[in-house]
Structure formats: structure tokens, C-alpha cells
Amino acid sequence: MKRGVFFDLGRVLLDFDLIPFFAEIARQTESDLATVRSSLANARWFDRYERGEFDDDSFFVGLQKITGYAGDEQQLRRLWTDIFTPIDKNIALMHALRERYPIGLVSNTSPLHISHIEQRFDLLAHISVRVLSYQVGLMKPDRRIFEHALKQLGVHAEGSVFIDDLEVNLSGAKELGMHVIHYLPEVDLEHELVKLGFPL
């Protein structure tokens, strides 16, 4: 049986903080963080962008219309992209796992975030298969994104594991028979992998 290890990106390999982004919109619109977040959530604006329904420029045009933001768009773009910090222990673990298993990435993400990560961090080039929501038009937890990932990496569901920080995102992988790990900062990821039969 061909085995593989699949990682989520945000809060598994890279931590991120969008508070400065929301705070800038709130400051410019004389609103508050909760209102800004709810207005964008109600419009499903992030989901639609990460599903690849529109390009980067359209994302910011729509964001300005939804929130009433009339500030510096370049500043807003910077606050949208420059949000990541490496989770070093998990990146080191990923490199160790590469010696024994093919590695895949399954991420709900956006073109600007991936472009920034590629420029800033030596990470994505070391991952064999990268299944990105905006490229395939699918988002976790849709089982089809995991079917695509398994096929691209050439591994079997029953012999593979998917790691994500959001429990809801694990459901599609579970349906296919993949092992799953709900990762939180207090979780010993190496220990959990060993328990599932993925030793280093």
C-alpha cells in the first residue's frame, strides 16, 4: 500500500495573524473588528476568493465595497499577505518525514498568500504535491479535494494521513478512509503520527 502524509498550511506549518488586517479596515471605516469580520463572512468573500471565483484585484475591489474601506489599498494588500510566521518544529518534522513518505499539501488559500510564502519562506518547494483550493476550485472539507490530492501524490487513502488545525476540515478525508490528526499547539505531532503507524 502506497502511503503519504498530507499537511494543511495555516496554523500547521505556518502560523498567521489577520488581526492587523481587520484592524486597519475597522480603523478606516470607524467600525469594530467584529463588524468587519461578520460583514465579510456574510458575503462569503474569503471563501469565494479562495475557491478561485475571482482574481486578486477583484477581491480588493469587492472588499472595499463590502466594508466601505477607502484607505490605502497597497497598505491593505501588505497587511493581507505579510501575516505568516514559521512553526519551526512542524517544518522540521515535515522534512524528517520526507525521508520516508511522499509529502502533500492540501490548503484553502489564496494566490497572494501563496505568492508571498514562496518569496518569503523556503518551504513549498520541498512539498511534492500542493493542492490549493483556488487552483482546483474546491475547498476542504469537500472530499473531492482529498481525492484529487491522493491521486496527484499517487498514494492510497487507507495508508495516508491528513493533518489540519480545524476539525471540520478533516471530515472529507475521514470519509475516504484516511487517517486524520486534529492539530493544536499542545499536540505532540510526532507522537500522534507514530501512534498511527507513521514513524520517522
C-alpha atoms as a PDB file:
ATOM      1  CA  MET A   1       0.000   0.000   0.000  1.00  0.00           C
ATOM      2  CA  LYS A   2       1.386   3.384  -1.005  1.00  0.00           C
ATOM      3  CA  ARG A   3       1.471   5.747   1.965  1.00  0.00           C
ATOM      4  CA  GLY A   4       1.597   9.528   2.167  1.00  0.00           C
ATOM      5  CA  VAL A   5       1.485  12.392   4.656  1.00  0.00           C
ATOM      6  CA  PHE A   6      -0.625  15.454   3.882  1.00  0.00           C
ATOM      7  CA  PHE A   7      -0.345  18.750   5.741  1.00  0.00           C
ATOM      8  CA  ASP A   8      -2.588  21.764   5.978  1.00  0.00           C
ATOM      9  CA  LEU A   9      -0.640  25.018   5.676  1.00  0.00           C
ATOM     10  CA  GLY A  10      -2.063  27.669   8.015  1.00  0.00           C
ATOM     11  CA  ARG A  11      -1.551  27.008  11.733  1.00  0.00           C
ATOM     12  CA  VAL A  12       0.108  23.670  10.961  1.00  0.00           C
ATOM     13  CA  LEU A  13       3.263  24.659   9.061  1.00  0.00           C
ATOM     14  CA  LEU A  14       2.871  28.441   9.219  1.00  0.00           C
ATOM     15  CA  ASP A  15       1.092  30.409  11.904  1.00  0.00           C
ATOM     16  CA  PHE A  16      -0.754  33.543  10.822  1.00  0.00           C
ATOM     17  CA  ASP A  17      -2.366  36.646  12.274  1.00  0.00           C
ATOM     18  CA  LEU A  18      -5.049  38.581  10.386  1.00  0.00           C
ATOM     19  CA  ILE A  19      -5.903  40.939  13.256  1.00  0.00           C
ATOM     20  CA  PRO A  20      -3.832  43.857  11.825  1.00  0.00           C
ATOM     21  CA  PHE A  21      -5.677  43.436   8.502  1.00  0.00           C
ATOM     22  CA  PHE A  22      -9.105  43.597  10.136  1.00  0.00           C
ATOM     23  CA  ALA A  23      -7.964  46.386  12.464  1.00  0.00           C
ATOM     24  CA  GLU A  24      -6.905  48.574   9.527  1.00  0.00           C
ATOM     25  CA  ILE A  25     -10.325  48.191   7.898  1.00  0.00           C
ATOM     26  CA  ALA A  26     -12.061  48.884  11.212  1.00  0.00           C
ATOM     27  CA  ARG A  27      -9.934  51.991  11.790  1.00  0.00           C
ATOM     28  CA  GLN A  28     -10.582  53.408   8.334  1.00  0.00           C
ATOM     29  CA  THR A  29     -14.310  52.686   8.439  1.00  0.00           C
ATOM     30  CA  GLU A  30     -14.778  53.742  12.083  1.00  0.00           C
ATOM     31  CA  SER A  31     -16.125  50.298  12.829  1.00  0.00           C
ATOM     32  CA  ASP A  32     -15.017  47.409  15.048  1.00  0.00           C
ATOM     33  CA  LEU A  33     -13.332  44.081  14.379  1.00  0.00           C
ATOM     34  CA  ALA A  34     -16.477  42.013  14.927  1.00  0.00           C
ATOM     35  CA  THR A  35     -18.490  44.071  12.443  1.00  0.00           C
ATOM     36  CA  VAL A  36     -15.773  43.908   9.793  1.00  0.00           C
ATOM     37  CA  ARG A  37     -15.393  40.168  10.179  1.00  0.00           C
ATOM     38  CA  SER A  38     -19.122  39.471  10.104  1.00  0.00           C
ATOM     39  CA  SER A  39     -19.706  41.625   7.013  1.00  0.00           C
ATOM     40  CA  LEU A  40     -17.042  39.724   5.075  1.00  0.00           C
ATOM     41  CA  ALA A  41     -18.193  36.365   6.434  1.00  0.00           C
ATOM     42  CA  ASN A  42     -21.805  37.074   5.475  1.00  0.00           C
ATOM     43  CA  ALA A  43     -20.681  37.832   1.929  1.00  0.00           C
ATOM     44  CA  ARG A  44     -18.593  34.613   1.918  1.00  0.00           C
ATOM     45  CA  TRP A  45     -15.891  36.836   0.447  1.00  0.00           C
ATOM     46  CA  PHE A  46     -12.867  34.883   1.658  1.00  0.00           C
ATOM     47  CA  ASP A  47     -14.410  31.534   0.696  1.00  0.00           C
ATOM     48  CA  ARG A  48     -15.221  32.723  -2.810  1.00  0.00           C
ATOM     49  CA  TYR A  49     -11.729  34.164  -3.281  1.00  0.00           C
ATOM     50  CA  GLU A  50     -10.045  31.016  -2.009  1.00  0.00           C
ATOM     51  CA  ARG A  51     -12.238  28.920  -4.312  1.00  0.00           C
ATOM     52  CA  GLY A  52     -10.830  30.888  -7.241  1.00  0.00           C
ATOM     53  CA  GLU A  53     -14.057  32.640  -8.236  1.00  0.00           C
ATOM     54  CA  PHE A  54     -12.252  35.928  -8.905  1.00  0.00           C
ATOM     55  CA  ASP A  55      -8.751  37.383  -9.137  1.00  0.00           C
ATOM     56  CA  ASP A  56      -6.720  39.424  -6.654  1.00  0.00           C
ATOM     57  CA  ASP A  57      -7.813  42.839  -7.929  1.00  0.00           C
ATOM     58  CA  SER A  58     -11.486  41.857  -7.808  1.00  0.00           C
ATOM     59  CA  PHE A  59     -11.006  40.586  -4.263  1.00  0.00           C
ATOM     60  CA  PHE A  60      -9.862  44.006  -3.059  1.00  0.00           C
ATOM     61  CA  VAL A  61     -12.455  45.916  -5.091  1.00  0.00           C
ATOM     62  CA  GLY A  62     -15.216  43.807  -3.581  1.00  0.00           C
ATOM     63  CA  LEU A  63     -13.712  44.045  -0.113  1.00  0.00           C
ATOM     64  CA  GLN A  64     -13.774  47.832  -0.338  1.00  0.00           C
ATOM     65  CA  LYS A  65     -17.416  47.790  -1.445  1.00  0.00           C
ATOM     66  CA  ILE A  66     -18.492  45.398   1.302  1.00  0.00           C
ATOM     67  CA  THR A  67     -16.707  47.181   4.151  1.00  0.00           C
ATOM     68  CA  GLY A  68     -16.628  50.772   2.897  1.00  0.00           C
ATOM     69  CA  TYR A  69     -12.833  50.836   3.165  1.00  0.00           C
ATOM     70  CA  ALA A  70     -11.398  53.871   1.360  1.00  0.00           C
ATOM     71  CA  GLY A  71      -7.826  53.822   2.668  1.00  0.00           C
ATOM     72  CA  ASP A  72      -4.527  52.861   1.057  1.00  0.00           C
ATOM     73  CA  GLU A  73      -5.069  49.683  -0.968  1.00  0.00           C
ATOM     74  CA  GLN A  74      -1.350  48.857  -1.060  1.00  0.00           C
ATOM     75  CA  GLN A  75      -1.228  49.036   2.728  1.00  0.00           C
ATOM     76  CA  LEU A  76      -4.213  46.702   2.878  1.00  0.00           C
ATOM     77  CA  ARG A  77      -2.548  44.271   0.465  1.00  0.00           C
ATOM     78  CA  ARG A  78       0.564  44.236   2.628  1.00  0.00           C
ATOM     79  CA  LEU A  79      -1.495  43.545   5.750  1.00  0.00           C
ATOM     80  CA  TRP A  80      -3.305  40.746   3.903  1.00  0.00           C
ATOM     81  CA  THR A  81      -0.118  38.985   2.814  1.00  0.00           C
ATOM     82  CA  ASP A  82       2.528  39.632   5.485  1.00  0.00           C
ATOM     83  CA  ILE A  83       0.830  37.561   8.176  1.00  0.00           C
ATOM     84  CA  PHE A  84       2.861  34.353   8.408  1.00  0.00           C
ATOM     85  CA  THR A  85       5.472  33.013  10.819  1.00  0.00           C
ATOM     86  CA  PRO A  86       7.006  29.517  10.574  1.00  0.00           C
ATOM     87  CA  ILE A  87       6.064  26.795  13.032  1.00  0.00           C
ATOM     88  CA  ASP A  88       9.633  25.544  13.099  1.00  0.00           C
ATOM     89  CA  LYS A  89       9.079  22.249  14.925  1.00  0.00           C
ATOM     90  CA  ASN A  90       6.454  21.128  12.414  1.00  0.00           C
ATOM     91  CA  ILE A  91       8.511  22.208   9.416  1.00  0.00           C
ATOM     92  CA  ALA A  92      11.462  20.231  10.797  1.00  0.00           C
ATOM     93  CA  LEU A  93       9.149  17.247  11.283  1.00  0.00           C
ATOM     94  CA  MET A  94       7.898  17.570   7.714  1.00  0.00           C
ATOM     95  CA  HIS A  95      11.481  17.475   6.420  1.00  0.00           C
ATOM     96  CA  ALA A  96      12.195  14.366   8.506  1.00  0.00           C
ATOM     97  CA  LEU A  97       9.057  12.662   7.188  1.00  0.00           C
ATOM     98  CA  ARG A  98      10.146  13.391   3.608  1.00  0.00           C
ATOM     99  CA  GLU A  99      12.894  10.805   4.054  1.00  0.00           C
ATOM    100  CA  ARG A 100      10.267   8.044   4.370  1.00  0.00           C
ATOM    101  CA  TYR A 101       6.996   9.249   2.830  1.00  0.00           C
ATOM    102  CA  PRO A 102       5.807  11.399  -0.059  1.00  0.00           C
ATOM    103  CA  ILE A 103       4.508  14.707   1.295  1.00  0.00           C
ATOM    104  CA  GLY A 104       1.445  16.601   0.125  1.00  0.00           C
ATOM    105  CA  LEU A 105      -0.219  19.895   0.990  1.00  0.00           C
ATOM    106  CA  VAL A 106      -3.988  20.492   0.968  1.00  0.00           C
ATOM    107  CA  SER A 107      -4.829  24.115   1.685  1.00  0.00           C
ATOM    108  CA  ASN A 108      -7.730  26.538   1.481  1.00  0.00           C
ATOM    109  CA  THR A 109      -5.720  29.567   0.437  1.00  0.00           C
ATOM    110  CA  SER A 110      -5.364  32.484  -1.959  1.00  0.00           C
ATOM    111  CA  PRO A 111      -2.958  33.370  -4.786  1.00  0.00           C
ATOM    112  CA  LEU A 112      -1.487  36.339  -2.911  1.00  0.00           C
ATOM    113  CA  HIS A 113      -0.765  34.255   0.165  1.00  0.00           C
ATOM    114  CA  ILE A 114       0.959  31.525  -1.831  1.00  0.00           C
ATOM    115  CA  SER A 115       3.000  34.066  -3.801  1.00  0.00           C
ATOM    116  CA  HIS A 116       4.119  35.718  -0.564  1.00  0.00           C
ATOM    117  CA  ILE A 117       5.003  32.382   1.058  1.00  0.00           C
ATOM    118  CA  GLU A 118       7.033  31.315  -1.981  1.00  0.00           C
ATOM    119  CA  GLN A 119       9.014  34.556  -1.857  1.00  0.00           C
ATOM    120  CA  ARG A 120       9.478  34.657   1.911  1.00  0.00           C
ATOM    121  CA  PHE A 121       9.964  31.056   3.052  1.00  0.00           C
ATOM    122  CA  ASP A 122      11.924  28.044   1.827  1.00  0.00           C
ATOM    123  CA  LEU A 123       9.008  25.672   2.306  1.00  0.00           C
ATOM    124  CA  LEU A 124       6.686  24.896  -0.588  1.00  0.00           C
ATOM    125  CA  ALA A 125       9.444  23.736  -2.936  1.00  0.00           C
ATOM    126  CA  HIS A 126      10.079  20.802  -0.583  1.00  0.00           C
ATOM    127  CA  ILE A 127       6.495  19.514  -0.801  1.00  0.00           C
ATOM    128  CA  SER A 128       5.900  17.049  -3.637  1.00  0.00           C
ATOM    129  CA  VAL A 129       2.244  17.847  -4.333  1.00  0.00           C
ATOM    130  CA  ARG A 130       0.462  21.097  -3.493  1.00  0.00           C
ATOM    131  CA  VAL A 131      -3.323  21.047  -3.846  1.00  0.00           C
ATOM    132  CA  LEU A 132      -4.504  24.633  -3.460  1.00  0.00           C
ATOM    133  CA  SER A 133      -8.190  25.499  -3.275  1.00  0.00           C
ATOM    134  CA  TYR A 134      -8.110  28.407  -5.718  1.00  0.00           C
ATOM    135  CA  GLN A 135      -6.377  26.269  -8.356  1.00  0.00           C
ATOM    136  CA  VAL A 136      -8.737  23.288  -8.197  1.00  0.00           C
ATOM    137  CA  GLY A 137     -11.972  25.177  -7.413  1.00  0.00           C
ATOM    138  CA  LEU A 138     -12.588  23.017  -4.338  1.00  0.00           C
ATOM    139  CA  MET A 139     -12.273  23.657  -0.624  1.00  0.00           C
ATOM    140  CA  LYS A 140     -11.864  21.492   2.434  1.00  0.00           C
ATOM    141  CA  PRO A 141     -13.745  19.630   3.773  1.00  0.00           C
ATOM    142  CA  ASP A 142     -15.076  18.603   0.331  1.00  0.00           C
ATOM    143  CA  ARG A 143     -13.913  15.020  -0.136  1.00  0.00           C
ATOM    144  CA  ARG A 144     -13.140  15.741  -3.793  1.00  0.00           C
ATOM    145  CA  ILE A 145     -10.154  17.896  -2.871  1.00  0.00           C
ATOM    146  CA  PHE A 146      -8.702  14.939  -0.961  1.00  0.00           C
ATOM    147  CA  GLU A 147      -9.443  12.559  -3.828  1.00  0.00           C
ATOM    148  CA  HIS A 148      -7.517  14.923  -6.078  1.00  0.00           C
ATOM    149  CA  ALA A 149      -4.628  15.113  -3.600  1.00  0.00           C
ATOM    150  CA  LEU A 150      -4.386  11.335  -3.218  1.00  0.00           C
ATOM    151  CA  LYS A 151      -4.375  10.856  -6.981  1.00  0.00           C
ATOM    152  CA  GLN A 152      -1.735  13.533  -7.517  1.00  0.00           C
ATOM    153  CA  LEU A 153       0.569  12.063  -4.864  1.00  0.00           C
ATOM    154  CA  GLY A 154      -0.092   8.506  -6.043  1.00  0.00           C
ATOM    155  CA  VAL A 155      -0.966   7.103  -2.618  1.00  0.00           C
ATOM    156  CA  HIS A 156      -3.879   5.210  -1.063  1.00  0.00           C
ATOM    157  CA  ALA A 157      -6.365   6.788   1.334  1.00  0.00           C
ATOM    158  CA  GLU A 158      -6.099   3.953   3.872  1.00  0.00           C
ATOM    159  CA  GLY A 159      -2.331   4.359   4.011  1.00  0.00           C
ATOM    160  CA  SER A 160      -2.271   8.133   4.296  1.00  0.00           C
ATOM    161  CA  VAL A 161      -2.758  10.750   6.980  1.00  0.00           C
ATOM    162  CA  PHE A 162      -4.029  14.330   6.823  1.00  0.00           C
ATOM    163  CA  ILE A 163      -3.159  16.950   9.459  1.00  0.00           C
ATOM    164  CA  ASP A 164      -5.286  20.086   9.934  1.00  0.00           C
ATOM    165  CA  ASP A 165      -5.866  22.599  12.724  1.00  0.00           C
ATOM    166  CA  LEU A 166      -9.626  22.779  12.041  1.00  0.00           C
ATOM    167  CA  GLU A 167     -11.550  19.658  12.972  1.00  0.00           C
ATOM    168  CA  VAL A 168     -14.295  20.424  10.449  1.00  0.00           C
ATOM    169  CA  ASN A 169     -11.744  20.194   7.628  1.00  0.00           C
ATOM    170  CA  LEU A 170     -10.958  16.577   8.488  1.00  0.00           C
ATOM    171  CA  SER A 171     -14.376  15.172   7.592  1.00  0.00           C
ATOM    172  CA  GLY A 172     -13.791  14.736   3.856  1.00  0.00           C
ATOM    173  CA  ALA A 173     -10.513  12.921   4.473  1.00  0.00           C
ATOM    174  CA  LYS A 174     -12.203  10.663   7.029  1.00  0.00           C
ATOM    175  CA  GLU A 175     -14.942   9.762   4.541  1.00  0.00           C
ATOM    176  CA  LEU A 176     -12.284   8.445   2.177  1.00  0.00           C
ATOM    177  CA  GLY A 177     -10.698   6.313   4.892  1.00  0.00           C
ATOM    178  CA  MET A 178      -7.659   8.491   5.518  1.00  0.00           C
ATOM    179  CA  HIS A 179      -6.121   8.740   8.968  1.00  0.00           C
ATOM    180  CA  VAL A 180      -6.519  12.242  10.392  1.00  0.00           C
ATOM    181  CA  ILE A 181      -4.890  14.342  13.105  1.00  0.00           C
ATOM    182  CA  HIS A 182      -6.561  17.415  14.570  1.00  0.00           C
ATOM    183  CA  TYR A 183      -3.508  19.549  15.253  1.00  0.00           C
ATOM    184  CA  LEU A 184      -3.434  22.086  18.072  1.00  0.00           C
ATOM    185  CA  PRO A 185      -0.324  23.800  19.514  1.00  0.00           C
ATOM    186  CA  GLU A 186      -0.314  21.476  22.529  1.00  0.00           C
ATOM    187  CA  VAL A 187      -0.416  18.330  20.359  1.00  0.00           C
ATOM    188  CA  ASP A 188       2.791  16.300  20.041  1.00  0.00           C
ATOM    189  CA  LEU A 189       2.531  15.777  16.298  1.00  0.00           C
ATOM    190  CA  GLU A 190       5.393  13.301  16.033  1.00  0.00           C
ATOM    191  CA  HIS A 191       3.843  11.167  18.786  1.00  0.00           C
ATOM    192  CA  GLU A 192       0.436  11.212  17.070  1.00  0.00           C
ATOM    193  CA  LEU A 193       1.995  10.170  13.764  1.00  0.00           C
ATOM    194  CA  VAL A 194       3.849   7.289  15.398  1.00  0.00           C
ATOM    195  CA  LYS A 195       0.593   6.116  17.024  1.00  0.00           C
ATOM    196  CA  LEU A 196      -0.994   5.975  13.565  1.00  0.00           C
ATOM    197  CA  GLY A 197       1.907   3.979  12.141  1.00  0.00           C
ATOM    198  CA  PHE A 198       3.965   6.782  10.596  1.00  0.00           C
ATOM    199  CA  PRO A 199       7.324   6.622  12.407  1.00  0.00           C
ATOM    200  CA  LEU A 200      10.218   8.802  11.308  1.00  0.00           C
END
